[in-house]
Amino acid sequence: MKGQLASSCTVHLPRGRRRWFVFAAFAAATVAAAFGASPALANTTQSSVVQINVSDTVSGICPFDIAEHQEGSLKVTDFFDNNASITKTIVTSTGGAFVTTWSANGITATSRGTPVIIIVYNADGSVQTATNVGLILNFVVPGTGSVFAQTGKLVFDDEGNIIFQAGQNQLVEGDTAALCAALS
């Protein structure tokens, strides 16, 4: 059920872009696996906080690789019905913004996002929809300003296809020219 979450929420985008839409779903699955997803009582909620502090390399967004660092805390809250079946998971940043830095060629762009991810489950526990809401990414380069933003609302079906979008969706639309120019 929860172990399928990360792959169920994967978005069908070019390599390097899909990662942004699954990071919170992955965190939800990780927390559930680490702390258990079984509620003590029916019709309850269960919350956990996961600390993220990871570095990676992002490829496929610019013609060059980008060194990435992500840091922050995510609160994962699972909701259960009267039958003790999971109905929804909400993932939010907690304790401040979720900070992502992308660096290349001696230049660093920083994003301080406050994403909210809402995962709704079918009665059998499979994912029905995953929704990203809010300021997911807004990369700022000192002296240049905002060069890339992913904000608004994105709703994905159980296959990871976008079924609704609103807001500034540069990552979805592949509009990375300003970001790549700023990091060149």
Foldseek 3Di string as FASTA:
>chain_A
DLLCQQQQQFAPDPALLRCLRRPQSVVLSVCCVVPPLFDPAAFDKDKDKDWAWDWDWGPDLAPDIKIKTKTFMKMWMWGGHRVRATFKIKIWTPPFFTWMWIAAPHWIWIWGWTKIWMWGADPVGQTAKIKIAAWSGFTQTPPPGTQDTAHGMFMAGSNNYTPDTDDRHCSRVSVRVSVNVRND
